[in-house]
PDB file of N, CA and C in Angstrom:
ATOM      1  N   MET A   1     -15.254 -31.399  32.514  1.00  0.00           N
ATOM      2  CA  MET A   1     -14.084 -30.147  32.861  1.00  0.00           C
ATOM      3  C   MET A   1     -12.718 -30.377  33.962  1.00  0.00           C
ATOM      4  N   PRO A   2     -13.087 -31.506  34.275  1.00  0.00           N
ATOM      5  CA  PRO A   2     -11.823 -31.171  35.533  1.00  0.00           C
ATOM      6  C   PRO A   2     -10.960 -32.116  34.948  1.00  0.00           C
ATOM      7  N   SER A   3     -11.382 -32.793  33.631  1.00  0.00           N
ATOM      8  CA  SER A   3      -9.933 -33.241  32.951  1.00  0.00           C
ATOM      9  C   SER A   3      -8.918 -32.232  32.505  1.00  0.00           C
ATOM     10  N   GLU A   4      -9.332 -31.294  32.568  1.00  0.00           N
ATOM     11  CA  GLU A   4      -8.895 -29.983  31.524  1.00  0.00           C
ATOM     12  C   GLU A   4      -7.843 -29.340  32.801  1.00  0.00           C
ATOM     13  N   SER A   5      -7.978 -29.192  33.933  1.00  0.00           N
ATOM     14  CA  SER A   5      -8.023 -28.552  35.251  1.00  0.00           C
ATOM     15  C   SER A   5      -6.710 -29.340  35.690  1.00  0.00           C
ATOM     16  N   ARG A   6      -6.733 -30.805  35.530  1.00  0.00           N
ATOM     17  CA  ARG A   6      -5.461 -32.041  35.720  1.00  0.00           C
ATOM     18  C   ARG A   6      -4.645 -31.433  35.177  1.00  0.00           C
ATOM     19  N   ASN A   7      -4.729 -31.710  33.342  1.00  0.00           N
ATOM     20  CA  ASN A   7      -3.548 -31.469  32.411  1.00  0.00           C
ATOM     21  C   ASN A   7      -2.726 -30.195  32.423  1.00  0.00           C
ATOM     22  N   LEU A   8      -4.046 -29.287  33.399  1.00  0.00           N
ATOM     23  CA  LEU A   8      -2.918 -27.822  33.154  1.00  0.00           C
ATOM     24  C   LEU A   8      -1.164 -27.454  32.872  1.00  0.00           C
ATOM     25  N   PRO A   9      -1.339 -28.350  34.674  1.00  0.00           N
ATOM     26  CA  PRO A   9       0.320 -28.114  35.229  1.00  0.00           C
ATOM     27  C   PRO A   9       1.000 -28.828  34.010  1.00  0.00           C
ATOM     28  N   GLU A  10       0.952 -30.042  33.133  1.00  0.00           N
ATOM     29  CA  GLU A  10       1.807 -30.503  32.278  1.00  0.00           C
ATOM     30  C   GLU A  10       1.826 -29.899  30.835  1.00  0.00           C
ATOM     31  N   GLN A  11       0.755 -29.204  30.570  1.00  0.00           N
ATOM     32  CA  GLN A  11       0.571 -28.564  29.677  1.00  0.00           C
ATOM     33  C   GLN A  11       1.390 -26.864  29.538  1.00  0.00           C
ATOM     34  N   GLU A  12       1.950 -26.550  30.703  1.00  0.00           N
ATOM     35  CA  GLU A  12       2.356 -25.534  30.938  1.00  0.00           C
ATOM     36  C   GLU A  12       4.149 -25.931  30.904  1.00  0.00           C
ATOM     37  N   GLN A  13       4.365 -26.955  31.877  1.00  0.00           N
ATOM     38  CA  GLN A  13       5.535 -27.672  31.507  1.00  0.00           C
ATOM     39  C   GLN A  13       5.650 -27.808  30.407  1.00  0.00           C
ATOM     40  N   SER A  14       4.866 -28.611  29.004  1.00  0.00           N
ATOM     41  CA  SER A  14       5.769 -28.690  27.919  1.00  0.00           C
ATOM     42  C   SER A  14       5.427 -27.710  26.845  1.00  0.00           C
ATOM     43  N   ILE A  15       4.927 -26.254  27.068  1.00  0.00           N
ATOM     44  CA  ILE A  15       5.018 -24.992  26.626  1.00  0.00           C
ATOM     45  C   ILE A  15       6.227 -24.620  27.012  1.00  0.00           C
ATOM     46  N   LYS A  16       6.529 -24.730  27.873  1.00  0.00           N
ATOM     47  CA  LYS A  16       7.586 -23.753  28.678  1.00  0.00           C
ATOM     48  C   LYS A  16       8.757 -24.583  28.257  1.00  0.00           C
ATOM     49  N   ALA A  17       8.802 -25.917  27.709  1.00  0.00           N
ATOM     50  CA  ALA A  17       9.957 -26.832  27.144  1.00  0.00           C
ATOM     51  C   ALA A  17      10.126 -26.766  25.387  1.00  0.00           C
ATOM     52  N   ARG A  18       8.938 -26.348  25.032  1.00  0.00           N
ATOM     53  CA  ARG A  18       8.465 -26.316  23.637  1.00  0.00           C
ATOM     54  C   ARG A  18       9.459 -24.871  23.473  1.00  0.00           C
ATOM     55  N   ALA A  19       8.772 -23.498  24.410  1.00  0.00           N
ATOM     56  CA  ALA A  19       9.671 -22.369  24.500  1.00  0.00           C
ATOM     57  C   ALA A  19      11.002 -22.617  24.097  1.00  0.00           C
ATOM     58  N   GLY A  20      11.627 -23.085  24.790  1.00  0.00           N
ATOM     59  CA  GLY A  20      13.036 -22.702  24.729  1.00  0.00           C
ATOM     60  C   GLY A  20      13.646 -23.640  23.197  1.00  0.00           C
ATOM     61  N   GLU A  21      13.045 -24.845  22.956  1.00  0.00           N
ATOM     62  CA  GLU A  21      13.254 -24.689  22.020  1.00  0.00           C
ATOM     63  C   GLU A  21      13.221 -24.191  20.350  1.00  0.00           C
ATOM     64  N   LEU A  22      12.091 -23.820  20.592  1.00  0.00           N
ATOM     65  CA  LEU A  22      11.988 -22.627  19.541  1.00  0.00           C
ATOM     66  C   LEU A  22      12.826 -21.260  19.292  1.00  0.00           C
ATOM     67  N   TYR A  23      12.709 -20.797  20.508  1.00  0.00           N
ATOM     68  CA  TYR A  23      13.719 -19.557  20.988  1.00  0.00           C
ATOM     69  C   TYR A  23      15.449 -19.859  20.813  1.00  0.00           C
ATOM     70  N   VAL A  24      16.189 -20.722  20.862  1.00  0.00           N
ATOM     71  CA  VAL A  24      17.162 -21.263  21.099  1.00  0.00           C
ATOM     72  C   VAL A  24      17.366 -21.318  19.301  1.00  0.00           C
ATOM     73  N   GLU A  25      18.503 -20.161  19.217  1.00  0.00           N
ATOM     74  CA  GLU A  25      19.613 -20.140  18.075  1.00  0.00           C
ATOM     75  C   GLU A  25      20.318 -21.458  17.869  1.00  0.00           C
ATOM     76  N   PRO A  26      19.732 -22.484  16.821  1.00  0.00           N
ATOM     77  CA  PRO A  26      21.132 -23.075  16.229  1.00  0.00           C
ATOM     78  C   PRO A  26      22.344 -22.667  16.012  1.00  0.00           C
ATOM     79  N   PRO A  27      22.946 -23.704  16.313  1.00  0.00           N
ATOM     80  CA  PRO A  27      24.641 -23.289  16.205  1.00  0.00           C
ATOM     81  C   PRO A  27      24.877 -23.476  15.171  1.00  0.00           C
ATOM     82  N   ARG A  28      26.044 -22.332  14.934  1.00  0.00           N
ATOM     83  CA  ARG A  28      26.575 -22.152  13.703  1.00  0.00           C
ATOM     84  C   ARG A  28      27.001 -22.905  13.140  1.00  0.00           C
ATOM     85  N   PRO A  29      27.616 -23.844  12.177  1.00  0.00           N
ATOM     86  CA  PRO A  29      28.947 -24.647  11.557  1.00  0.00           C
ATOM     87  C   PRO A  29      29.491 -23.604  11.349  1.00  0.00           C
ATOM     88  N   GLU A  30      30.876 -24.082  11.584  1.00  0.00           N
ATOM     89  CA  GLU A  30      32.582 -23.496  11.795  1.00  0.00           C
ATOM     90  C   GLU A  30      33.313 -23.774   9.835  1.00  0.00           C
ATOM     91  N   SER A  31      33.150 -22.275   9.905  1.00  0.00           N
ATOM     92  CA  SER A  31      33.593 -22.601   7.884  1.00  0.00           C
ATOM     93  C   SER A  31      34.776 -22.730   8.131  1.00  0.00           C
ATOM     94  N   SER A  32      35.605 -23.662   7.040  1.00  0.00           N
ATOM     95  CA  SER A  32      36.731 -23.472   7.004  1.00  0.00           C
ATOM     96  C   SER A  32      37.256 -22.265   6.661  1.00  0.00           C
ATOM     97  N   LYS A  33      36.793 -21.604   5.679  1.00  0.00           N
ATOM     98  CA  LYS A  33      37.354 -20.364   5.000  1.00  0.00           C
ATOM     99  C   LYS A  33      37.065 -19.267   6.010  1.00  0.00           C
ATOM    100  N   PRO A  34      38.550 -18.367   6.269  1.00  0.00           N
ATOM    101  CA  PRO A  34      37.541 -17.287   6.997  1.00  0.00           C
ATOM    102  C   PRO A  34      36.795 -16.401   5.838  1.00  0.00           C
ATOM    103  N   VAL A  35      35.883 -15.639   6.788  1.00  0.00           N
ATOM    104  CA  VAL A  35      35.547 -14.523   5.812  1.00  0.00           C
ATOM    105  C   VAL A  35      35.991 -12.956   6.209  1.00  0.00           C
ATOM    106  N   LYS A  36      36.119 -12.876   4.621  1.00  0.00           N
ATOM    107  CA  LYS A  36      37.219 -10.941   4.821  1.00  0.00           C
ATOM    108  C   LYS A  36      35.768 -10.418   4.989  1.00  0.00           C
ATOM    109  N   PRO A  37      36.202  -9.215   6.280  1.00  0.00           N
ATOM    110  CA  PRO A  37      35.524  -7.753   6.554  1.00  0.00           C
ATOM    111  C   PRO A  37      35.158  -7.184   4.801  1.00  0.00           C
ATOM    112  N   PHE A  38      33.532  -6.442   4.862  1.00  0.00           N
ATOM    113  CA  PHE A  38      33.453  -5.793   4.034  1.00  0.00           C
ATOM    114  C   PHE A  38      34.510  -4.903   3.065  1.00  0.00           C
ATOM    115  N   PRO A  39      34.961  -4.373   4.000  1.00  0.00           N
ATOM    116  CA  PRO A  39      36.077  -3.200   3.632  1.00  0.00           C
ATOM    117  C   PRO A  39      37.107  -3.582   2.826  1.00  0.00           C
ATOM    118  N   VAL A  40      37.726  -5.038   3.630  1.00  0.00           N
ATOM    119  CA  VAL A  40      38.569  -5.444   2.978  1.00  0.00           C
ATOM    120  C   VAL A  40      38.210  -6.204   1.705  1.00  0.00           C
ATOM    121  N   TYR A  41      37.794  -6.728   1.012  1.00  0.00           N
ATOM    122  CA  TYR A  41      36.556  -7.315   0.025  1.00  0.00           C
ATOM    123  C   TYR A  41      36.554  -6.005  -0.992  1.00  0.00           C
ATOM    124  N   LEU A  42      36.041  -4.789  -0.655  1.00  0.00           N
ATOM    125  CA  LEU A  42      35.852  -3.923  -1.128  1.00  0.00           C
ATOM    126  C   LEU A  42      37.147  -3.461  -2.116  1.00  0.00           C
ATOM    127  N   ARG A  43      38.139  -3.548  -0.765  1.00  0.00           N
ATOM    128  CA  ARG A  43      39.371  -2.924  -1.555  1.00  0.00           C
ATOM    129  C   ARG A  43      39.938  -3.571  -2.420  1.00  0.00           C
ATOM    130  N   GLU A  44      39.980  -4.889  -2.422  1.00  0.00           N
ATOM    131  CA  GLU A  44      40.855  -6.002  -3.159  1.00  0.00           C
ATOM    132  C   GLU A  44      39.283  -6.242  -4.578  1.00  0.00           C
ATOM    133  N   THR A  45      38.164  -5.538  -4.893  1.00  0.00           N
ATOM    134  CA  THR A  45      38.075  -5.850  -5.898  1.00  0.00           C
ATOM    135  C   THR A  45      37.809  -4.579  -6.890  1.00  0.00           C
ATOM    136  N   PRO A  46      38.344  -4.645  -8.154  1.00  0.00           N
ATOM    137  CA  PRO A  46      38.429  -2.852  -8.713  1.00  0.00           C
ATOM    138  C   PRO A  46      37.159  -2.945  -9.820  1.00  0.00           C
ATOM    139  N   ALA A  47      37.067  -1.762  -9.120  1.00  0.00           N
ATOM    140  CA  ALA A  47      35.451  -0.907 -10.009  1.00  0.00           C
ATOM    141  C   ALA A  47      36.196  -1.236 -11.726  1.00  0.00           C
ATOM    142  N   VAL A  48      35.245  -2.098 -11.709  1.00  0.00           N
ATOM    143  CA  VAL A  48      34.947  -2.285 -13.661  1.00  0.00           C
ATOM    144  C   VAL A  48      33.878  -1.637 -14.291  1.00  0.00           C
ATOM    145  N   PRO A  49      34.213  -0.388 -15.590  1.00  0.00           N
ATOM    146  CA  PRO A  49      33.074   0.452 -15.690  1.00  0.00           C
ATOM    147  C   PRO A  49      31.803  -0.650 -16.719  1.00  0.00           C
ATOM    148  N   LEU A  50      30.808  -0.735 -16.556  1.00  0.00           N
ATOM    149  CA  LEU A  50      30.061  -0.922 -17.801  1.00  0.00           C
ATOM    150  C   LEU A  50      30.372  -0.728 -18.886  1.00  0.00           C
ATOM    151  N   SER A  51      30.358  -2.025 -20.046  1.00  0.00           N
ATOM    152  CA  SER A  51      30.723  -2.094 -21.260  1.00  0.00           C
ATOM    153  C   SER A  51      29.689  -0.757 -22.170  1.00  0.00           C
ATOM    154  N   ALA A  52      29.903  -0.299 -23.342  1.00  0.00           N
ATOM    155  CA  ALA A  52      29.284   0.868 -23.970  1.00  0.00           C
ATOM    156  C   ALA A  52      27.678  -0.156 -24.119  1.00  0.00           C
ATOM    157  N   SER A  53      27.780  -1.230 -24.825  1.00  0.00           N
ATOM    158  CA  SER A  53      26.647  -1.957 -25.153  1.00  0.00           C
ATOM    159  C   SER A  53      25.637  -1.658 -23.749  1.00  0.00           C
ATOM    160  N   THR A  54      26.186  -2.303 -22.697  1.00  0.00           N
ATOM    161  CA  THR A  54      25.143  -2.241 -21.444  1.00  0.00           C
ATOM    162  C   THR A  54      24.576  -1.128 -21.357  1.00  0.00           C
ATOM    163  N   GLN A  55      25.856   0.112 -21.789  1.00  0.00           N
ATOM    164  CA  GLN A  55      25.486   1.638 -21.194  1.00  0.00           C
ATOM    165  C   GLN A  55      24.086   2.016 -21.831  1.00  0.00           C
ATOM    166  N   VAL A  56      24.738   1.667 -23.593  1.00  0.00           N
ATOM    167  CA  VAL A  56      23.243   2.302 -24.044  1.00  0.00           C
ATOM    168  C   VAL A  56      21.921   1.829 -23.656  1.00  0.00           C
ATOM    169  N   VAL A  57      21.845   0.083 -23.849  1.00  0.00           N
ATOM    170  CA  VAL A  57      20.721  -0.575 -23.849  1.00  0.00           C
ATOM    171  C   VAL A  57      20.151   0.101 -21.867  1.00  0.00           C
ATOM    172  N   LEU A  58      21.142   0.696 -21.133  1.00  0.00           N
ATOM    173  CA  LEU A  58      20.495   1.604 -19.684  1.00  0.00           C
ATOM    174  C   LEU A  58      19.511   3.054 -20.148  1.00  0.00           C
ATOM    175  N   TRP A  59      20.559   3.236 -21.058  1.00  0.00           N
ATOM    176  CA  TRP A  59      19.924   4.862 -21.300  1.00  0.00           C
ATOM    177  C   TRP A  59      18.584   4.749 -22.230  1.00  0.00           C
ATOM    178  N   ILE A  60      18.831   3.662 -22.987  1.00  0.00           N
ATOM    179  CA  ILE A  60      17.415   3.172 -23.817  1.00  0.00           C
ATOM    180  C   ILE A  60      15.942   3.305 -23.040  1.00  0.00           C
ATOM    181  N   VAL A  61      16.399   2.256 -22.451  1.00  0.00           N
ATOM    182  CA  VAL A  61      15.536   1.947 -20.937  1.00  0.00           C
ATOM    183  C   VAL A  61      14.951   2.839 -20.330  1.00  0.00           C
ATOM    184  N   GLY A  62      15.571   4.017 -19.683  1.00  0.00           N
ATOM    185  CA  GLY A  62      15.503   5.275 -18.934  1.00  0.00           C
ATOM    186  C   GLY A  62      14.318   6.184 -19.573  1.00  0.00           C
ATOM    187  N   ILE A  63      15.332   6.358 -21.042  1.00  0.00           N
ATOM    188  CA  ILE A  63      14.695   7.555 -22.071  1.00  0.00           C
ATOM    189  C   ILE A  63      12.835   6.693 -22.239  1.00  0.00           C
ATOM    190  N   ILE A  64      12.495   5.490 -22.219  1.00  0.00           N
ATOM    191  CA  ILE A  64      10.914   4.844 -22.723  1.00  0.00           C
ATOM    192  C   ILE A  64      10.424   5.119 -21.361  1.00  0.00           C
ATOM    193  N   VAL A  65      10.896   5.123 -20.027  1.00  0.00           N
ATOM    194  CA  VAL A  65      10.290   5.172 -18.452  1.00  0.00           C
ATOM    195  C   VAL A  65      10.186   6.719 -18.526  1.00  0.00           C
ATOM    196  N   ALA A  66      11.117   7.195 -18.702  1.00  0.00           N
ATOM    197  CA  ALA A  66      10.579   8.617 -18.579  1.00  0.00           C
ATOM    198  C   ALA A  66       9.751   9.275 -19.367  1.00  0.00           C
ATOM    199  N   LEU A  67       9.491   9.102 -20.690  1.00  0.00           N
ATOM    200  CA  LEU A  67       8.657   9.107 -21.368  1.00  0.00           C
ATOM    201  C   LEU A  67       7.373   8.608 -21.439  1.00  0.00           C
ATOM    202  N   LEU A  68       7.374   7.212 -20.654  1.00  0.00           N
ATOM    203  CA  LEU A  68       5.562   6.903 -20.326  1.00  0.00           C
ATOM    204  C   LEU A  68       5.685   7.375 -19.098  1.00  0.00           C
ATOM    205  N   PHE A  69       6.487   7.931 -18.601  1.00  0.00           N
ATOM    206  CA  PHE A  69       5.855   8.087 -16.895  1.00  0.00           C
ATOM    207  C   PHE A  69       5.015  10.092 -17.490  1.00  0.00           C
ATOM    208  N   LEU A  70       5.581  10.675 -18.332  1.00  0.00           N
ATOM    209  CA  LEU A  70       5.426  11.845 -18.881  1.00  0.00           C
ATOM    210  C   LEU A  70       3.879  11.732 -19.604  1.00  0.00           C
ATOM    211  N   ALA A  71       3.810  10.888 -20.845  1.00  0.00           N
ATOM    212  CA  ALA A  71       2.472  10.379 -20.982  1.00  0.00           C
ATOM    213  C   ALA A  71       1.646  10.521 -19.846  1.00  0.00           C
ATOM    214  N   ALA A  72       1.870   9.614 -19.111  1.00  0.00           N
ATOM    215  CA  ALA A  72       0.674   9.133 -17.694  1.00  0.00           C
ATOM    216  C   ALA A  72       0.500  11.053 -17.231  1.00  0.00           C
ATOM    217  N   LEU A  73       1.560  11.787 -16.835  1.00  0.00           N
ATOM    218  CA  LEU A  73       1.158  12.971 -16.488  1.00  0.00           C
ATOM    219  C   LEU A  73       0.173  13.283 -17.328  1.00  0.00           C
ATOM    220  N   TRP A  74       0.377  13.537 -18.626  1.00  0.00           N
ATOM    221  CA  TRP A  74      -0.218  14.667 -20.038  1.00  0.00           C
ATOM    222  C   TRP A  74      -1.616  13.991 -19.570  1.00  0.00           C
ATOM    223  N   ARG A  75      -1.859  12.579 -19.650  1.00  0.00           N
ATOM    224  CA  ARG A  75      -2.973  11.943 -20.256  1.00  0.00           C
ATOM    225  C   ARG A  75      -4.069  12.138 -18.640  1.00  0.00           C
ATOM    226  N   VAL A  76      -3.381  12.242 -17.430  1.00  0.00           N
ATOM    227  CA  VAL A  76      -3.930  12.844 -16.525  1.00  0.00           C
ATOM    228  C   VAL A  76      -4.739  14.121 -16.500  1.00  0.00           C
ATOM    229  N   SER A  77      -3.856  15.317 -17.185  1.00  0.00           N
ATOM    230  CA  SER A  77      -3.944  17.025 -16.759  1.00  0.00           C
ATOM    231  C   SER A  77      -4.931  16.678 -18.327  1.00  0.00           C
ATOM    232  N   HIS A  78      -5.255  15.904 -19.415  1.00  0.00           N
ATOM    233  CA  HIS A  78      -5.866  16.050 -20.617  1.00  0.00           C
ATOM    234  C   HIS A  78      -6.653  15.423 -20.720  1.00  0.00           C
ATOM    235  N   ARG A  79      -7.983  14.590 -19.632  1.00  0.00           N
ATOM    236  CA  ARG A  79      -9.026  13.909 -19.709  1.00  0.00           C
ATOM    237  C   ARG A  79     -10.032  14.155 -20.875  1.00  0.00           C
ATOM    238  N   HIS A  80     -10.240  13.234 -21.650  1.00  0.00           N
ATOM    239  CA  HIS A  80     -11.387  13.256 -22.695  1.00  0.00           C
ATOM    240  C   HIS A  80     -12.538  12.848 -22.048  1.00  0.00           C
ATOM    241  N   GLY A  81     -13.746  13.248 -22.533  1.00  0.00           N
ATOM    242  CA  GLY A  81     -15.175  12.759 -22.571  1.00  0.00           C
ATOM    243  C   GLY A  81     -15.469  13.448 -20.879  1.00  0.00           C
ATOM    244  N   PRO A  82     -16.986  13.468 -20.422  1.00  0.00           N
ATOM    245  CA  PRO A  82     -17.334  14.367 -19.748  1.00  0.00           C
ATOM    246  C   PRO A  82     -17.014  13.953 -18.274  1.00  0.00           C
ATOM    247  N   ARG A  83     -16.960  15.517 -17.590  1.00  0.00           N
ATOM    248  CA  ARG A  83     -16.363  15.083 -16.195  1.00  0.00           C
ATOM    249  C   ARG A  83     -17.742  15.069 -15.195  1.00  0.00           C
ATOM    250  N   PRO A  84     -17.240  14.736 -13.934  1.00  0.00           N
ATOM    251  CA  PRO A  84     -18.324  14.648 -13.402  1.00  0.00           C
ATOM    252  C   PRO A  84     -18.786  16.219 -12.748  1.00  0.00           C
ATOM    253  N   PRO A  85     -20.531  16.128 -12.457  1.00  0.00           N
ATOM    254  CA  PRO A  85     -20.341  17.673 -11.773  1.00  0.00           C
ATOM    255  C   PRO A  85     -20.052  17.649 -10.996  1.00  0.00           C
ATOM    256  N   THR A  86     -19.900  19.115 -10.925  1.00  0.00           N
ATOM    257  CA  THR A  86     -19.468  19.428  -9.338  1.00  0.00           C
ATOM    258  C   THR A  86     -20.419  20.129  -8.521  1.00  0.00           C
ATOM    259  N   PRO A  87     -20.556  19.402  -7.443  1.00  0.00           N
ATOM    260  CA  PRO A  87     -21.783  19.968  -6.621  1.00  0.00           C
ATOM    261  C   PRO A  87     -22.062  20.638  -6.203  1.00  0.00           C
ATOM    262  N   ALA A  88     -22.866  21.712  -5.712  1.00  0.00           N
ATOM    263  CA  ALA A  88     -23.382  22.764  -5.566  1.00  0.00           C
ATOM    264  C   ALA A  88     -23.052  23.538  -4.387  1.00  0.00           C
ATOM    265  N   PRO A  89     -22.395  24.458  -4.217  1.00  0.00           N
ATOM    266  CA  PRO A  89     -21.580  24.485  -2.519  1.00  0.00           C
ATOM    267  C   PRO A  89     -22.867  24.842  -1.423  1.00  0.00           C
ATOM    268  N   ARG A  90     -22.802  24.752  -0.979  1.00  0.00           N
ATOM    269  CA  ARG A  90     -23.706  24.510   0.417  1.00  0.00           C
ATOM    270  C   ARG A  90     -23.635  25.744   1.140  1.00  0.00           C
ATOM    271  N   PRO A  91     -24.936  26.294   1.193  1.00  0.00           N
ATOM    272  CA  PRO A  91     -24.906  27.447   2.268  1.00  0.00           C
ATOM    273  C   PRO A  91     -24.374  27.576   3.037  1.00  0.00           C
ATOM    274  N   THR A  92     -23.991  28.853   3.854  1.00  0.00           N
ATOM    275  CA  THR A  92     -23.693  28.443   5.001  1.00  0.00           C
ATOM    276  C   THR A  92     -24.565  29.165   6.071  1.00  0.00           C
ATOM    277  N   GLU A  93     -24.319  29.502   7.176  1.00  0.00           N
ATOM    278  CA  GLU A  93     -25.163  30.085   8.274  1.00  0.00           C
ATOM    279  C   GLU A  93     -25.890  30.721   7.869  1.00  0.00           C
ATOM    280  N   GLY A  94     -25.575  32.202   7.413  1.00  0.00           N
ATOM    281  CA  GLY A  94     -25.458  32.967   7.134  1.00  0.00           C
ATOM    282  C   GLY A  94     -26.539  33.869   5.714  1.00  0.00           C
ATOM    283  N   THR A  95     -26.479  32.621   5.021  1.00  0.00           N
ATOM    284  CA  THR A  95     -27.486  32.749   4.117  1.00  0.00           C
ATOM    285  C   THR A  95     -28.998  32.416   4.222  1.00  0.00           C
ATOM    286  N   ALA A  96     -29.722  33.247   3.314  1.00  0.00           N
ATOM    287  CA  ALA A  96     -31.126  32.168   3.690  1.00  0.00           C
ATOM    288  C   ALA A  96     -31.472  31.210   2.700  1.00  0.00           C
ATOM    289  N   VAL A  97     -32.232  30.409   2.986  1.00  0.00           N
ATOM    290  CA  VAL A  97     -32.189  29.230   1.932  1.00  0.00           C
ATOM    291  C   VAL A  97     -33.733  29.001   1.701  1.00  0.00           C
ATOM    292  N   LEU A  98     -34.325  29.588   0.217  1.00  0.00           N
ATOM    293  CA  LEU A  98     -35.211  29.326  -0.254  1.00  0.00           C
ATOM    294  C   LEU A  98     -36.077  28.126  -0.208  1.00  0.00           C
ATOM    295  N   GLN A  99     -37.488  27.863   0.195  1.00  0.00           N
ATOM    296  CA  GLN A  99     -38.050  26.301  -0.021  1.00  0.00           C
ATOM    297  C   GLN A  99     -39.291  26.527  -0.599  1.00  0.00           C
ATOM    298  N   ALA A 100     -39.824  25.678  -1.087  1.00  0.00           N
ATOM    299  CA  ALA A 100     -40.999  25.633  -1.739  1.00  0.00           C
ATOM    300  C   ALA A 100     -41.679  25.685  -0.490  1.00  0.00           C
ATOM    301  N   PRO A 101     -42.980  26.178  -0.912  1.00  0.00           N
ATOM    302  CA  PRO A 101     -44.193  26.115  -0.361  1.00  0.00           C
ATOM    303  C   PRO A 101     -44.618  24.466  -0.151  1.00  0.00           C
ATOM    304  N   ALA A 102     -45.317  24.025   0.933  1.00  0.00           N
ATOM    305  CA  ALA A 102     -45.268  23.206   1.316  1.00  0.00           C
ATOM    306  C   ALA A 102     -46.695  22.283   0.087  1.00  0.00           C
ATOM    307  N   ASP A 103     -47.686  23.136  -0.179  1.00  0.00           N
ATOM    308  CA  ASP A 103     -48.959  22.980  -1.104  1.00  0.00           C
ATOM    309  C   ASP A 103     -48.342  22.888  -2.342  1.00  0.00           C
ATOM    310  N   SER A 104     -47.021  23.132  -2.783  1.00  0.00           N
ATOM    311  CA  SER A 104     -46.399  23.101  -4.036  1.00  0.00           C
ATOM    312  C   SER A 104     -46.324  21.596  -4.983  1.00  0.00           C
ATOM    313  N   PRO A 105     -46.355  21.679  -6.039  1.00  0.00           N
ATOM    314  CA  PRO A 105     -46.020  20.583  -6.862  1.00  0.00           C
ATOM    315  C   PRO A 105     -45.056  19.832  -6.259  1.00  0.00           C
ATOM    316  N   ALA A 106     -44.286  20.795  -6.328  1.00  0.00           N
ATOM    317  CA  ALA A 106     -42.452  20.228  -6.461  1.00  0.00           C
ATOM    318  C   ALA A 106     -42.518  19.324  -4.642  1.00  0.00           C
ATOM    319  N   ARG A 107     -43.595  19.735  -3.894  1.00  0.00           N
ATOM    320  CA  ARG A 107     -43.036  19.472  -2.577  1.00  0.00           C
ATOM    321  C   ARG A 107     -44.262  17.938  -2.656  1.00  0.00           C
ATOM    322  N   SER A 108     -45.193  18.193  -2.840  1.00  0.00           N
ATOM    323  CA  SER A 108     -46.405  17.121  -2.789  1.00  0.00           C
ATOM    324  C   SER A 108     -45.997  15.517  -3.200  1.00  0.00           C
ATOM    325  N   SER A 109     -46.430  14.801  -2.948  1.00  0.00           N
ATOM    326  CA  SER A 109     -46.282  12.984  -3.143  1.00  0.00           C
ATOM    327  C   SER A 109     -46.949  12.859  -4.200  1.00  0.00           C
ATOM    328  N   SER A 110     -47.689  13.454  -4.848  1.00  0.00           N
ATOM    329  CA  SER A 110     -48.430  13.001  -5.902  1.00  0.00           C
ATOM    330  C   SER A 110     -47.669  13.491  -7.076  1.00  0.00           C
ATOM    331  N   ALA A 111     -46.713  14.409  -6.846  1.00  0.00           N
ATOM    332  CA  ALA A 111     -45.710  14.503  -8.370  1.00  0.00           C
ATOM    333  C   ALA A 111     -44.733  13.232  -8.743  1.00  0.00           C
ATOM    334  N   PHE A 112     -44.330  12.419  -7.557  1.00  0.00           N
ATOM    335  CA  PHE A 112     -43.871  10.862  -7.963  1.00  0.00           C
ATOM    336  C   PHE A 112     -45.054  10.158  -8.222  1.00  0.00           C
ATOM    337  N   GLY A 113     -46.289  10.240  -8.696  1.00  0.00           N
ATOM    338  CA  GLY A 113     -47.225   9.148  -8.641  1.00  0.00           C
ATOM    339  C   GLY A 113     -47.327   8.707  -7.711  1.00  0.00           C
ATOM    340  N   VAL A 114     -47.548   8.941  -6.476  1.00  0.00           N
ATOM    341  CA  VAL A 114     -48.204   8.620  -4.982  1.00  0.00           C
ATOM    342  C   VAL A 114     -49.430   9.555  -4.756  1.00  0.00           C
ATOM    343  N   VAL A 115     -50.255   8.690  -4.497  1.00  0.00           N
ATOM    344  CA  VAL A 115     -51.848   9.277  -4.550  1.00  0.00           C
ATOM    345  C   VAL A 115     -52.340   8.576  -2.933  1.00  0.00           C
ATOM    346  N   GLY A 116     -52.437   9.806  -1.907  1.00  0.00           N
ATOM    347  CA  GLY A 116     -52.314   8.965  -0.626  1.00  0.00           C
ATOM    348  C   GLY A 116     -53.922   9.478  -0.098  1.00  0.00           C
TER     349      GLY A 116
END
């Protein structure tokens, strides 16, 4: 353990030196072309409408997606097969709970095949 305590100041210096290297942003190369601001680029670029075939394809895809969505909603609302049983409502504090007597067959362990 004494060797670890001797290396501690050296490790701290090394960590601090590497931290400076990690978090310093590298210099950006100067480009020869000036970059246009976005509003200028937007003004210079004309808006071209989509072709008719592209519009038709997008409409068809949109209709297919809408039909699949409606089919998924219909399938969720009209499930086939047995539904899981709903749990019986638990009695509240004000209601009486009927219990079988202790010597009844339903409560004895012999009903389960265990004889004591």
